[in-house]
C-alpha atoms as a PDB file:
ATOM      1  CA  MET A   1      64.495 -81.750  32.783  1.00  0.00           C
ATOM      2  CA  ARG A   2      63.216 -80.011  29.741  1.00  0.00           C
ATOM      3  CA  HIS A   3      65.299 -79.585  26.693  1.00  0.00           C
ATOM      4  CA  MET A   4      64.905 -76.316  24.741  1.00  0.00           C
ATOM      5  CA  THR A   5      65.510 -76.353  21.034  1.00  0.00           C
ATOM      6  CA  LYS A   6      67.771 -73.596  19.889  1.00  0.00           C
ATOM      7  CA  TYR A   7      67.289 -71.973  16.490  1.00  0.00           C
ATOM      8  CA  ARG A   8      70.028 -70.265  14.703  1.00  0.00           C
ATOM      9  CA  PHE A   9      69.391 -67.577  12.032  1.00  0.00           C
ATOM     10  CA  SER A  10      71.783 -66.618   9.394  1.00  0.00           C
ATOM     11  CA  PRO A  11      72.910 -62.997   9.309  1.00  0.00           C
ATOM     12  CA  ILE A  12      70.921 -62.392   6.096  1.00  0.00           C
ATOM     13  CA  GLU A  13      67.676 -63.696   7.558  1.00  0.00           C
ATOM     14  CA  THR A  14      68.176 -61.530  10.625  1.00  0.00           C
ATOM     15  CA  LEU A  15      68.604 -58.401   8.527  1.00  0.00           C
ATOM     16  CA  ARG A  16      65.485 -59.239   6.510  1.00  0.00           C
ATOM     17  CA  ALA A  17      63.398 -59.650   9.653  1.00  0.00           C
ATOM     18  CA  LEU A  18      64.603 -56.347  11.058  1.00  0.00           C
ATOM     19  CA  ALA A  19      63.826 -54.626   7.765  1.00  0.00           C
ATOM     20  CA  ARG A  20      60.235 -55.957   7.788  1.00  0.00           C
ATOM     21  CA  VAL A  21      59.690 -54.715  11.353  1.00  0.00           C
ATOM     22  CA  LEU A  22      61.011 -51.250  10.538  1.00  0.00           C
ATOM     23  CA  VAL A  23      58.830 -50.944   7.421  1.00  0.00           C
ATOM     24  CA  SER A  24      55.708 -51.955   9.355  1.00  0.00           C
ATOM     25  CA  ALA A  25      56.433 -49.408  12.061  1.00  0.00           C
ATOM     26  CA  MET A  26      56.932 -46.641   9.503  1.00  0.00           C
ATOM     27  CA  VAL A  27      53.636 -47.460   7.763  1.00  0.00           C
ATOM     28  CA  ILE A  28      51.721 -47.409  11.019  1.00  0.00           C
ATOM     29  CA  ALA A  29      53.213 -44.123  12.227  1.00  0.00           C
ATOM     30  CA  ALA A  30      53.175 -42.278   8.903  1.00  0.00           C
ATOM     31  CA  PRO A  31      50.485 -39.493   8.483  1.00  0.00           C
ATOM     32  CA  VAL A  32      48.067 -39.538   5.631  1.00  0.00           C
ATOM     33  CA  SER A  33      49.741 -38.308   2.505  1.00  0.00           C
ATOM     34  CA  SER A  34      48.852 -34.949   0.955  1.00  0.00           C
ATOM     35  CA  ASP A  35      47.472 -36.680  -2.122  1.00  0.00           C
ATOM     36  CA  ALA A  36      45.112 -38.724  -0.019  1.00  0.00           C
ATOM     37  CA  ARG A  37      43.994 -35.603   1.895  1.00  0.00           C
ATOM     38  CA  ASP A  38      43.361 -33.705  -1.335  1.00  0.00           C
ATOM     39  CA  ALA A  39      41.348 -36.579  -2.752  1.00  0.00           C
ATOM     40  CA  SER A  40      39.257 -36.743   0.417  1.00  0.00           C
ATOM     41  CA  MET A  41      38.627 -32.976   0.312  1.00  0.00           C
ATOM     42  CA  VAL A  42      37.622 -33.140  -3.330  1.00  0.00           C
ATOM     43  CA  ARG A  43      35.042 -35.755  -2.443  1.00  0.00           C
ATOM     44  CA  GLU A  44      33.719 -33.760   0.561  1.00  0.00           C
ATOM     45  CA  LEU A  45      33.599 -30.237  -0.926  1.00  0.00           C
ATOM     46  CA  PRO A  46      30.743 -30.855  -3.390  1.00  0.00           C
ATOM     47  CA  GLN A  47      28.681 -32.423  -0.628  1.00  0.00           C
ATOM     48  CA  ALA A  48      29.286 -29.462   1.696  1.00  0.00           C
ATOM     49  CA  ARG A  49      28.527 -26.986  -1.075  1.00  0.00           C
ATOM     50  CA  ASP A  50      25.292 -28.767  -1.978  1.00  0.00           C
ATOM     51  CA  SER A  51      24.162 -28.805   1.651  1.00  0.00           C
ATOM     52  CA  VAL A  52      24.836 -25.063   2.043  1.00  0.00           C
ATOM     53  CA  GLN A  53      22.988 -24.238  -1.183  1.00  0.00           C
ATOM     54  CA  ALA A  54      20.072 -26.401  -0.145  1.00  0.00           C
ATOM     55  CA  ARG A  55      19.919 -24.630   3.217  1.00  0.00           C
ATOM     56  CA  ASN A  56      20.119 -21.102   1.747  1.00  0.00           C
ATOM     57  CA  ALA A  57      17.946 -21.652  -1.312  1.00  0.00           C
ATOM     58  CA  PRO A  58      14.328 -20.387  -1.065  1.00  0.00           C
ATOM     59  CA  GLN A  59      11.635 -22.967  -0.767  1.00  0.00           C
ATOM     60  CA  SER A  60       9.984 -23.885  -4.038  1.00  0.00           C
ATOM     61  CA  GLY A  61       6.684 -22.163  -4.639  1.00  0.00           C
ATOM     62  CA  SER A  62       7.235 -19.674  -1.807  1.00  0.00           C
ATOM     63  CA  ASN A  63       5.747 -16.224  -2.296  1.00  0.00           C
ATOM     64  CA  SER A  64       6.681 -14.401   0.859  1.00  0.00           C
ATOM     65  CA  PRO A  65       5.177 -10.897   1.158  1.00  0.00           C
ATOM     66  CA  ALA A  66       8.593  -9.444   1.920  1.00  0.00           C
ATOM     67  CA  GLY A  67      10.088 -10.977  -1.228  1.00  0.00           C
ATOM     68  CA  ASN A  68       7.221  -9.781  -3.398  1.00  0.00           C
ATOM     69  CA  ALA A  69       7.435  -6.279  -1.918  1.00  0.00           C
ATOM     70  CA  VAL A  70      11.171  -6.004  -2.595  1.00  0.00           C
ATOM     71  CA  GLN A  71      10.751  -7.265  -6.138  1.00  0.00           C
ATOM     72  CA  ALA A  72       7.891  -4.819  -6.764  1.00  0.00           C
ATOM     73  CA  ARG A  73       9.938  -1.868  -5.518  1.00  0.00           C
ATOM     74  CA  GLU A  74      12.810  -2.828  -7.832  1.00  0.00           C
ATOM     75  CA  ILE A  75      10.713  -2.718 -11.003  1.00  0.00           C
ATOM     76  CA  ILE A  76      11.377   0.464 -12.958  1.00  0.00           C
ATOM     77  CA  GLY A  77       8.460   2.449 -14.343  1.00  0.00           C
ATOM     78  CA  ALA A  78       7.844   5.637 -16.278  1.00  0.00           C
ATOM     79  CA  SER A  79       8.681   8.858 -14.378  1.00  0.00           C
ATOM     80  CA  ASP A  80      10.851   7.027 -11.827  1.00  0.00           C
ATOM     81  CA  SER A  81      14.138   8.710 -10.894  1.00  0.00           C
ATOM     82  CA  ILE A  82      17.111   6.325 -11.078  1.00  0.00           C
ATOM     83  CA  ARG A  83      20.886   6.377 -10.615  1.00  0.00           C
ATOM     84  CA  VAL A  84      23.150   4.394 -12.951  1.00  0.00           C
ATOM     85  CA  THR A  85      26.684   3.629 -11.752  1.00  0.00           C
ATOM     86  CA  VAL A  86      29.462   1.992 -13.805  1.00  0.00           C
ATOM     87  CA  PHE A  87      32.253   0.417 -11.740  1.00  0.00           C
ATOM     88  CA  GLN A  88      35.615   2.204 -12.127  1.00  0.00           C
ATOM     89  CA  ASN A  89      34.031   4.725 -14.511  1.00  0.00           C
ATOM     90  CA  PRO A  90      32.762   7.592 -12.336  1.00  0.00           C
ATOM     91  CA  ASP A  91      32.335   9.848 -15.384  1.00  0.00           C
ATOM     92  CA  LEU A  92      29.467   7.602 -16.514  1.00  0.00           C
ATOM     93  CA  THR A  93      27.493   7.893 -13.248  1.00  0.00           C
ATOM     94  CA  THR A  94      24.084   9.243 -14.293  1.00  0.00           C
ATOM     95  CA  ASP A  95      21.097  10.521 -12.314  1.00  0.00           C
ATOM     96  CA  THR A  96      18.127  10.664 -14.631  1.00  0.00           C
ATOM     97  CA  ARG A  97      14.389  10.215 -14.921  1.00  0.00           C
ATOM     98  CA  VAL A  98      12.646   7.549 -16.950  1.00  0.00           C
ATOM     99  CA  SER A  99      10.591   9.129 -19.719  1.00  0.00           C
ATOM    100  CA  GLN A 100       6.917   8.435 -20.317  1.00  0.00           C
ATOM    101  CA  SER A 101       7.984   6.081 -23.107  1.00  0.00           C
ATOM    102  CA  GLY A 102       9.967   4.066 -20.531  1.00  0.00           C
ATOM    103  CA  SER A 103      13.523   4.898 -21.632  1.00  0.00           C
ATOM    104  CA  ILE A 104      16.544   6.956 -20.602  1.00  0.00           C
ATOM    105  CA  VAL A 105      19.414   8.545 -22.520  1.00  0.00           C
ATOM    106  CA  PHE A 106      22.732   7.144 -21.305  1.00  0.00           C
ATOM    107  CA  PRO A 107      26.213   8.421 -22.256  1.00  0.00           C
ATOM    108  CA  LEU A 108      27.925   6.668 -25.188  1.00  0.00           C
ATOM    109  CA  ILE A 109      25.045   4.318 -26.035  1.00  0.00           C
ATOM    110  CA  GLY A 110      22.123   6.758 -26.289  1.00  0.00           C
ATOM    111  CA  GLU A 111      18.499   5.761 -25.593  1.00  0.00           C
ATOM    112  CA  VAL A 112      17.862   2.608 -23.557  1.00  0.00           C
ATOM    113  CA  GLY A 113      14.442   1.182 -22.675  1.00  0.00           C
ATOM    114  CA  LEU A 114      14.215   0.248 -18.992  1.00  0.00           C
ATOM    115  CA  ALA A 115      10.528   0.379 -18.021  1.00  0.00           C
ATOM    116  CA  GLY A 116       9.220  -2.934 -16.746  1.00  0.00           C
ATOM    117  CA  LEU A 117      12.686  -4.232 -15.863  1.00  0.00           C
ATOM    118  CA  THR A 118      14.095  -4.882 -12.429  1.00  0.00           C
ATOM    119  CA  THR A 119      17.151  -2.884 -11.389  1.00  0.00           C
ATOM    120  CA  THR A 120      19.353  -5.940 -12.006  1.00  0.00           C
ATOM    121  CA  GLU A 121      17.933  -6.474 -15.492  1.00  0.00           C
ATOM    122  CA  ALA A 122      18.352  -2.789 -16.284  1.00  0.00           C
ATOM    123  CA  GLY A 123      22.004  -2.884 -15.223  1.00  0.00           C
ATOM    124  CA  ASN A 124      22.620  -5.949 -17.389  1.00  0.00           C
ATOM    125  CA  ARG A 125      21.010  -4.280 -20.411  1.00  0.00           C
ATOM    126  CA  ILE A 126      23.151  -1.159 -20.113  1.00  0.00           C
ATOM    127  CA  ALA A 127      26.291  -3.264 -19.552  1.00  0.00           C
ATOM    128  CA  ASP A 128      25.520  -5.369 -22.623  1.00  0.00           C
ATOM    129  CA  GLN A 129      25.175  -2.303 -24.849  1.00  0.00           C
ATOM    130  CA  LEU A 130      28.388  -0.785 -23.476  1.00  0.00           C
ATOM    131  CA  LYS A 131      30.208  -4.025 -24.216  1.00  0.00           C
ATOM    132  CA  ARG A 132      28.747  -4.483 -27.705  1.00  0.00           C
ATOM    133  CA  GLY A 133      29.636  -0.926 -28.586  1.00  0.00           C
ATOM    134  CA  GLY A 134      33.231  -1.570 -27.613  1.00  0.00           C
ATOM    135  CA  TYR A 135      33.298   1.190 -25.010  1.00  0.00           C
ATOM    136  CA  ILE A 136      34.144  -0.992 -21.983  1.00  0.00           C
ATOM    137  CA  ILE A 137      35.521  -4.524 -22.139  1.00  0.00           C
ATOM    138  CA  ASN A 138      33.787  -5.963 -19.078  1.00  0.00           C
ATOM    139  CA  PRO A 139      31.411  -3.320 -17.666  1.00  0.00           C
ATOM    140  CA  GLN A 140      29.823  -3.730 -14.251  1.00  0.00           C
ATOM    141  CA  VAL A 141      26.685  -1.590 -14.048  1.00  0.00           C
ATOM    142  CA  SER A 142      24.350  -1.082 -11.098  1.00  0.00           C
ATOM    143  CA  VAL A 143      20.970   0.677 -11.204  1.00  0.00           C
ATOM    144  CA  ALA A 144      19.112   2.026  -8.163  1.00  0.00           C
ATOM    145  CA  ILE A 145      15.674   3.631  -7.949  1.00  0.00           C
ATOM    146  CA  VAL A 146      16.049   6.995  -6.216  1.00  0.00           C
ATOM    147  CA  GLN A 147      12.391   8.060  -6.244  1.00  0.00           C
ATOM    148  CA  VAL A 148       9.277   6.158  -7.264  1.00  0.00           C
ATOM    149  CA  ARG A 149       6.754   8.086  -9.318  1.00  0.00           C
ATOM    150  CA  SER A 150       5.358   5.411 -11.614  1.00  0.00           C
ATOM    151  CA  ARG A 151       3.040   3.688  -9.101  1.00  0.00           C
ATOM    152  CA  GLN A 152       0.629   6.229  -7.689  1.00  0.00           C
ATOM    153  CA  VAL A 153      -2.986   6.508  -6.614  1.00  0.00           C
ATOM    154  CA  THR A 154      -5.064   9.679  -6.623  1.00  0.00           C
ATOM    155  CA  VAL A 155      -6.936  10.821  -3.500  1.00  0.00           C
ATOM    156  CA  LEU A 156      -9.671  13.395  -4.149  1.00  0.00           C
ATOM    157  CA  GLY A 157     -12.465  15.083  -2.271  1.00  0.00           C
ATOM    158  CA  GLU A 158     -12.993  15.669   1.424  1.00  0.00           C
ATOM    159  CA  PHE A 159      -9.682  14.413   2.817  1.00  0.00           C
ATOM    160  CA  VAL A 160      -7.338  16.161   5.214  1.00  0.00           C
ATOM    161  CA  ARG A 161      -4.488  15.894   2.668  1.00  0.00           C
ATOM    162  CA  PRO A 162      -5.780  15.070  -0.828  1.00  0.00           C
ATOM    163  CA  GLY A 163      -3.271  14.484  -3.618  1.00  0.00           C
ATOM    164  CA  ASN A 164      -1.213  11.762  -5.316  1.00  0.00           C
ATOM    165  CA  TYR A 165       0.396   9.077  -3.182  1.00  0.00           C
ATOM    166  CA  VAL A 166       3.103   6.588  -4.140  1.00  0.00           C
ATOM    167  CA  LEU A 167       2.510   2.866  -3.729  1.00  0.00           C
ATOM    168  CA  GLU A 168       5.684   1.739  -1.980  1.00  0.00           C
ATOM    169  CA  ASP A 169       5.067  -1.925  -2.853  1.00  0.00           C
ATOM    170  CA  SER A 170       2.515  -4.211  -4.464  1.00  0.00           C
ATOM    171  CA  ARG A 171       0.616  -4.849  -1.243  1.00  0.00           C
ATOM    172  CA  SER A 172      -0.606  -1.334  -0.381  1.00  0.00           C
ATOM    173  CA  ARG A 173      -4.120  -1.493   1.002  1.00  0.00           C
ATOM    174  CA  LEU A 174      -6.883   1.100   1.112  1.00  0.00           C
ATOM    175  CA  THR A 175      -6.314   1.796   4.801  1.00  0.00           C
ATOM    176  CA  ASP A 176      -2.624   2.504   4.133  1.00  0.00           C
ATOM    177  CA  ILE A 177      -3.436   5.317   1.695  1.00  0.00           C
ATOM    178  CA  LEU A 178      -6.285   6.688   3.827  1.00  0.00           C
ATOM    179  CA  THR A 179      -3.844   6.971   6.716  1.00  0.00           C
ATOM    180  CA  LEU A 180      -1.305   8.807   4.558  1.00  0.00           C
ATOM    181  CA  ALA A 181      -4.045  11.220   3.450  1.00  0.00           C
ATOM    182  CA  GLY A 182      -4.860  12.026   7.084  1.00  0.00           C
ATOM    183  CA  GLY A 183      -8.301  10.445   6.970  1.00  0.00           C
ATOM    184  CA  ILE A 184     -11.592  12.054   6.005  1.00  0.00           C
ATOM    185  CA  SER A 185     -12.103  15.691   6.948  1.00  0.00           C
ATOM    186  CA  SER A 186     -14.932  16.896   9.162  1.00  0.00           C
ATOM    187  CA  THR A 187     -16.959  17.849   6.087  1.00  0.00           C
ATOM    188  CA  GLY A 188     -16.533  14.484   4.350  1.00  0.00           C
ATOM    189  CA  ALA A 189     -19.127  11.769   3.931  1.00  0.00           C
ATOM    190  CA  GLU A 190     -18.812   8.341   5.515  1.00  0.00           C
ATOM    191  CA  THR A 191     -18.718   6.491   2.192  1.00  0.00           C
ATOM    192  CA  VAL A 192     -15.405   6.006   0.364  1.00  0.00           C
ATOM    193  CA  ARG A 193     -15.610   5.472  -3.388  1.00  0.00           C
ATOM    194  CA  VAL A 194     -12.718   3.645  -5.067  1.00  0.00           C
ATOM    195  CA  LEU A 195     -12.358   3.460  -8.858  1.00  0.00           C
ATOM    196  CA  THR A 196     -10.044   0.607  -9.831  1.00  0.00           C
ATOM    197  CA  ASN A 197      -8.551  -0.346 -13.183  1.00  0.00           C
ATOM    198  CA  ARG A 198      -7.626  -3.994 -13.611  1.00  0.00           C
ATOM    199  CA  GLY A 199      -6.474  -4.783 -17.114  1.00  0.00           C
ATOM    200  CA  GLY A 200      -8.619  -2.068 -18.670  1.00  0.00           C
ATOM    201  CA  LYS A 201     -11.722  -3.093 -16.698  1.00  0.00           C
ATOM    202  CA  TYR A 202     -12.953  -0.300 -14.431  1.00  0.00           C
ATOM    203  CA  GLU A 203     -14.881  -1.098 -11.283  1.00  0.00           C
ATOM    204  CA  LYS A 204     -16.464   1.173  -8.692  1.00  0.00           C
ATOM    205  CA  HIS A 205     -16.445   0.207  -5.018  1.00  0.00           C
ATOM    206  CA  GLU A 206     -18.429   1.952  -2.268  1.00  0.00           C
ATOM    207  CA  ILE A 207     -17.041   1.252   1.205  1.00  0.00           C
ATOM    208  CA  SER A 208     -18.228   2.452   4.604  1.00  0.00           C
ATOM    209  CA  PHE A 209     -15.393   4.334   6.273  1.00  0.00           C
ATOM    210  CA  PRO A 210     -16.467   3.641   9.907  1.00  0.00           C
ATOM    211  CA  ALA A 211     -16.965  -0.072   9.211  1.00  0.00           C
ATOM    212  CA  LEU A 212     -13.558  -0.253   7.559  1.00  0.00           C
ATOM    213  CA  PHE A 213     -11.804   0.725  10.801  1.00  0.00           C
ATOM    214  CA  ARG A 214     -14.181  -1.033  13.171  1.00  0.00           C
ATOM    215  CA  GLY A 215     -13.402  -4.601  12.200  1.00  0.00           C
ATOM    216  CA  GLY A 216     -15.755  -4.816   9.241  1.00  0.00           C
ATOM    217  CA  ASP A 217     -15.436  -7.111   6.242  1.00  0.00           C
ATOM    218  CA  PRO A 218     -11.691  -7.494   5.505  1.00  0.00           C
ATOM    219  CA  SER A 219     -12.442  -7.809   1.790  1.00  0.00           C
ATOM    220  CA  ASN A 220     -13.414  -4.121   1.776  1.00  0.00           C
ATOM    221  CA  ASN A 221      -9.802  -3.210   2.533  1.00  0.00           C
ATOM    222  CA  ILE A 222      -8.972  -3.690  -1.127  1.00  0.00           C
ATOM    223  CA  GLN A 223      -5.468  -3.843  -2.557  1.00  0.00           C
ATOM    224  CA  LEU A 224      -4.619  -0.768  -4.605  1.00  0.00           C
ATOM    225  CA  GLU A 225      -2.691  -0.610  -7.846  1.00  0.00           C
ATOM    226  CA  ASN A 226      -1.219   2.100 -10.021  1.00  0.00           C
ATOM    227  CA  GLY A 227      -3.865   4.449 -11.429  1.00  0.00           C
ATOM    228  CA  ASP A 228      -6.601   3.793  -8.841  1.00  0.00           C
ATOM    229  CA  THR A 229      -8.662   6.755  -7.612  1.00  0.00           C
ATOM    230  CA  ILE A 230     -10.137   7.281  -4.141  1.00  0.00           C
ATOM    231  CA  TYR A 231     -12.896   9.850  -3.691  1.00  0.00           C
ATOM    232  CA  VAL A 232     -15.003  11.082  -0.782  1.00  0.00           C
ATOM    233  CA  GLU A 233     -17.757  13.589  -1.474  1.00  0.00           C
ATOM    234  CA  ARG A 234     -19.006  16.265   0.859  1.00  0.00           C
ATOM    235  CA  ALA A 235     -21.231  14.996   3.655  1.00  0.00           C
ATOM    236  CA  PRO A 236     -24.972  15.708   3.312  1.00  0.00           C
ATOM    237  CA  VAL A 237     -26.174  18.679   5.335  1.00  0.00           C
ATOM    238  CA  PHE A 238     -29.405  20.256   6.496  1.00  0.00           C
ATOM    239  CA  TYR A 239     -30.168  23.841   7.463  1.00  0.00           C
ATOM    240  CA  ILE A 240     -31.900  25.510  10.420  1.00  0.00           C
ATOM    241  CA  TYR A 241     -33.175  29.061  10.592  1.00  0.00           C
ATOM    242  CA  GLY A 242     -35.776  31.028  12.487  1.00  0.00           C
ATOM    243  CA  GLU A 243     -36.173  31.080  16.243  1.00  0.00           C
ATOM    244  CA  VAL A 244     -33.198  28.903  17.213  1.00  0.00           C
ATOM    245  CA  GLN A 245     -30.053  29.752  19.125  1.00  0.00           C
ATOM    246  CA  ARG A 246     -27.563  28.888  16.342  1.00  0.00           C
ATOM    247  CA  ALA A 247     -28.966  28.964  12.871  1.00  0.00           C
ATOM    248  CA  GLY A 248     -26.824  27.523  10.074  1.00  0.00           C
ATOM    249  CA  ALA A 249     -25.834  24.372   8.164  1.00  0.00           C
ATOM    250  CA  TYR A 250     -25.209  21.108  10.008  1.00  0.00           C
ATOM    251  CA  ARG A 251     -23.858  17.709   9.041  1.00  0.00           C
ATOM    252  CA  LEU A 252     -26.627  15.182   8.568  1.00  0.00           C
ATOM    253  CA  GLU A 253     -26.061  11.992  10.515  1.00  0.00           C
ATOM    254  CA  SER A 254     -28.072   8.869   9.819  1.00  0.00           C
ATOM    255  CA  ASN A 255     -31.547   8.630  11.417  1.00  0.00           C
ATOM    256  CA  THR A 256     -31.617  12.294  12.481  1.00  0.00           C
ATOM    257  CA  VAL A 257     -35.064  13.595  13.472  1.00  0.00           C
ATOM    258  CA  VAL A 258     -36.388  17.143  13.943  1.00  0.00           C
ATOM    259  CA  MET A 259     -35.808  17.090  17.709  1.00  0.00           C
ATOM    260  CA  GLN A 260     -32.137  16.248  17.230  1.00  0.00           C
ATOM    261  CA  ALA A 261     -31.779  18.883  14.546  1.00  0.00           C
ATOM    262  CA  LEU A 262     -33.137  21.561  16.898  1.00  0.00           C
ATOM    263  CA  SER A 263     -30.721  20.490  19.629  1.00  0.00           C
ATOM    264  CA  LEU A 264     -27.796  20.916  17.210  1.00  0.00           C
ATOM    265  CA  GLY A 265     -29.045  24.446  16.653  1.00  0.00           C
ATOM    266  CA  GLY A 266     -28.846  25.133  20.375  1.00  0.00           C
ATOM    267  CA  GLY A 267     -32.564  24.757  20.995  1.00  0.00           C
ATOM    268  CA  LEU A 268     -35.434  27.209  20.636  1.00  0.00           C
ATOM    269  CA  THR A 269     -35.433  30.863  21.644  1.00  0.00           C
ATOM    270  CA  ALA A 270     -37.875  32.342  24.129  1.00  0.00           C
ATOM    271  CA  ARG A 271     -40.070  33.576  21.281  1.00  0.00           C
ATOM    272  CA  ALA A 272     -40.260  30.217  19.526  1.00  0.00           C
ATOM    273  CA  THR A 273     -42.985  27.594  19.651  1.00  0.00           C
ATOM    274  CA  GLU A 274     -42.653  23.886  19.105  1.00  0.00           C
ATOM    275  CA  ARG A 275     -45.934  23.879  17.200  1.00  0.00           C
ATOM    276  CA  GLY A 276     -44.459  26.305  14.716  1.00  0.00           C
ATOM    277  CA  VAL A 277     -41.772  24.008  13.284  1.00  0.00           C
ATOM    278  CA  GLY A 278     -41.829  23.478   9.546  1.00  0.00           C
ATOM    279  CA  ILE A 279     -39.575  21.896   6.913  1.00  0.00           C
ATOM    280  CA  HIS A 280     -38.891  23.246   3.467  1.00  0.00           C
ATOM    281  CA  TRP A 281     -38.660  20.334   1.073  1.00  0.00           C
ATOM    282  CA  ARG A 282     -37.167  20.697  -2.374  1.00  0.00           C
ATOM    283  CA  MET A 283     -39.464  19.218  -4.971  1.00  0.00           C
ATOM    284  CA  PRO A 284     -38.176  17.310  -8.053  1.00  0.00           C
ATOM    285  CA  ASN A 285     -38.749  20.439 -10.150  1.00  0.00           C
ATOM    286  CA  GLY A 286     -36.451  22.426  -7.827  1.00  0.00           C
ATOM    287  CA  GLU A 287     -39.172  24.398  -6.017  1.00  0.00           C
ATOM    288  CA  LEU A 288     -39.381  24.552  -2.207  1.00  0.00           C
ATOM    289  CA  THR A 289     -42.559  23.693  -0.362  1.00  0.00           C
ATOM    290  CA  LEU A 290     -43.168  24.258   3.365  1.00  0.00           C
ATOM    291  CA  ILE A 291     -44.871  21.568   5.430  1.00  0.00           C
ATOM    292  CA  ASP A 292     -45.627  21.368   9.130  1.00  0.00           C
ATOM    293  CA  ALA A 293     -43.295  18.982  10.955  1.00  0.00           C
ATOM    294  CA  LYS A 294     -43.443  16.951  14.118  1.00  0.00           C
ATOM    295  CA  LEU A 295     -40.522  16.603  16.475  1.00  0.00           C
ATOM    296  CA  THR A 296     -40.166  12.930  15.483  1.00  0.00           C
ATOM    297  CA  ASP A 297     -40.151  13.468  11.702  1.00  0.00           C
ATOM    298  CA  PRO A 298     -36.927  12.373   9.961  1.00  0.00           C
ATOM    299  CA  ILE A 299     -34.562  14.890   8.390  1.00  0.00           C
ATOM    300  CA  GLN A 300     -33.280  14.367   4.863  1.00  0.00           C
ATOM    301  CA  ALA A 301     -30.348  15.871   3.003  1.00  0.00           C
ATOM    302  CA  ASP A 302     -30.767  19.562   2.100  1.00  0.00           C
ATOM    303  CA  ASP A 303     -33.878  19.952   4.260  1.00  0.00           C
ATOM    304  CA  ILE A 304     -34.428  23.440   5.677  1.00  0.00           C
ATOM    305  CA  VAL A 305     -35.909  23.424   9.182  1.00  0.00           C
ATOM    306  CA  PHE A 306     -37.823  26.592  10.027  1.00  0.00           C
ATOM    307  CA  VAL A 307     -38.963  27.567  13.531  1.00  0.00           C
ATOM    308  CA  ARG A 308     -41.713  30.200  13.686  1.00  0.00           C
ATOM    309  CA  GLU A 309     -42.007  32.960  16.233  1.00  0.00           C
ATOM    310  CA  ARG A 310     -44.756  32.610  18.823  1.00  0.00           C
ATOM    311  CA  ILE A 311     -46.452  35.883  17.797  1.00  0.00           C
ATOM    312  CA  MET A 312     -46.425  34.679  14.232  1.00  0.00           C
ATOM    313  CA  GLU A 313     -48.286  31.584  15.338  1.00  0.00           C
ATOM    314  CA  TYR A 314     -50.874  33.818  17.015  1.00  0.00           C
ATOM    315  CA  ARG A 315     -51.287  35.899  13.896  1.00  0.00           C
ATOM    316  CA  LEU A 316     -51.726  32.798  11.776  1.00  0.00           C
ATOM    317  CA  ARG A 317     -54.462  31.625  14.117  1.00  0.00           C
ATOM    318  CA  GLU A 318     -56.146  35.022  13.891  1.00  0.00           C
ATOM    319  CA  ASP A 319     -55.960  34.966  10.121  1.00  0.00           C
ATOM    320  CA  ALA A 320     -57.391  31.449  10.035  1.00  0.00           C
ATOM    321  CA  ARG A 321     -60.243  32.468  12.355  1.00  0.00           C
ATOM    322  CA  ASP A 322     -61.038  35.543  10.272  1.00  0.00           C
ATOM    323  CA  SER A 323     -61.090  33.419   7.148  1.00  0.00           C
ATOM    324  CA  LEU A 324     -63.518  30.969   8.717  1.00  0.00           C
ATOM    325  CA  GLN A 325     -65.803  33.764   9.899  1.00  0.00           C
ATOM    326  CA  ALA A 326     -65.816  35.394   6.522  1.00  0.00           C
ATOM    327  CA  GLY A 327     -66.677  32.089   4.885  1.00  0.00           C
ATOM    328  CA  SER A 328     -69.565  31.437   7.252  1.00  0.00           C
ATOM    329  CA  ARG A 329     -71.163  34.727   6.301  1.00  0.00           C
END
């Protein structure tokens, strides 16, 4: 028969043991203190903020076309119309135009130079002068471009809508402006001449209009800048008169021959003769000379095609025969 040893605890020891059990239970069940939570949040917030900034920040060295276009549109230039707004000061709201010298006259502070600045930089400059003058303690100024007039190209010559066109951003190409101008008119030549100015260096480019829109060399679709000029001259023409259905001036296409020229004129009349076709050529001294032409002879600019009447051909033959007879005598 087993004997069990009995232990006896004093009342004080029993109370101490119960106290230790209660304290342990309270520690286990107690939530994290507010101080501990705050310390943990302080440690986590900078990490979260850094991760968000890293995610939203633009990649280094990135030059996205959209970003460049927005920045280019925000740059203020001479003749641009802008609106200046001062927060909580509606009396200072100003719609004005940048002068040719690149400045505006703003209430209280007078003349301010803004050309070459972005809208943000312009707002900061005006705010700084308002603050330094003691007019507003902490001014908040915003500047917006209402109408762009400082970046324009000139379109001249045989276009459907010639004139001045605004470059909306820094990536406007030749085809963009040609589209705005409605393309070349029916009387325009097929060669587009572009005069560019890059840092004071002028260059002249001659570009084939059909090749530009038919998948030609992409480098011909040049990027335009402020002050560039686009010009298309009148297309070369030739003239037809005499015994044709529709005499007049006609556009000269490349590799046109006499036969094609006559077909543009509606063909010959009943009194005409194919052997009586001549071309008036303009000599270097400005005089016209008439030569006999074949149906396969090429036509050049400003040529005048003349179709003789059949009876005239007969008379010429008679005159030639009489001349030969007189000479033989």
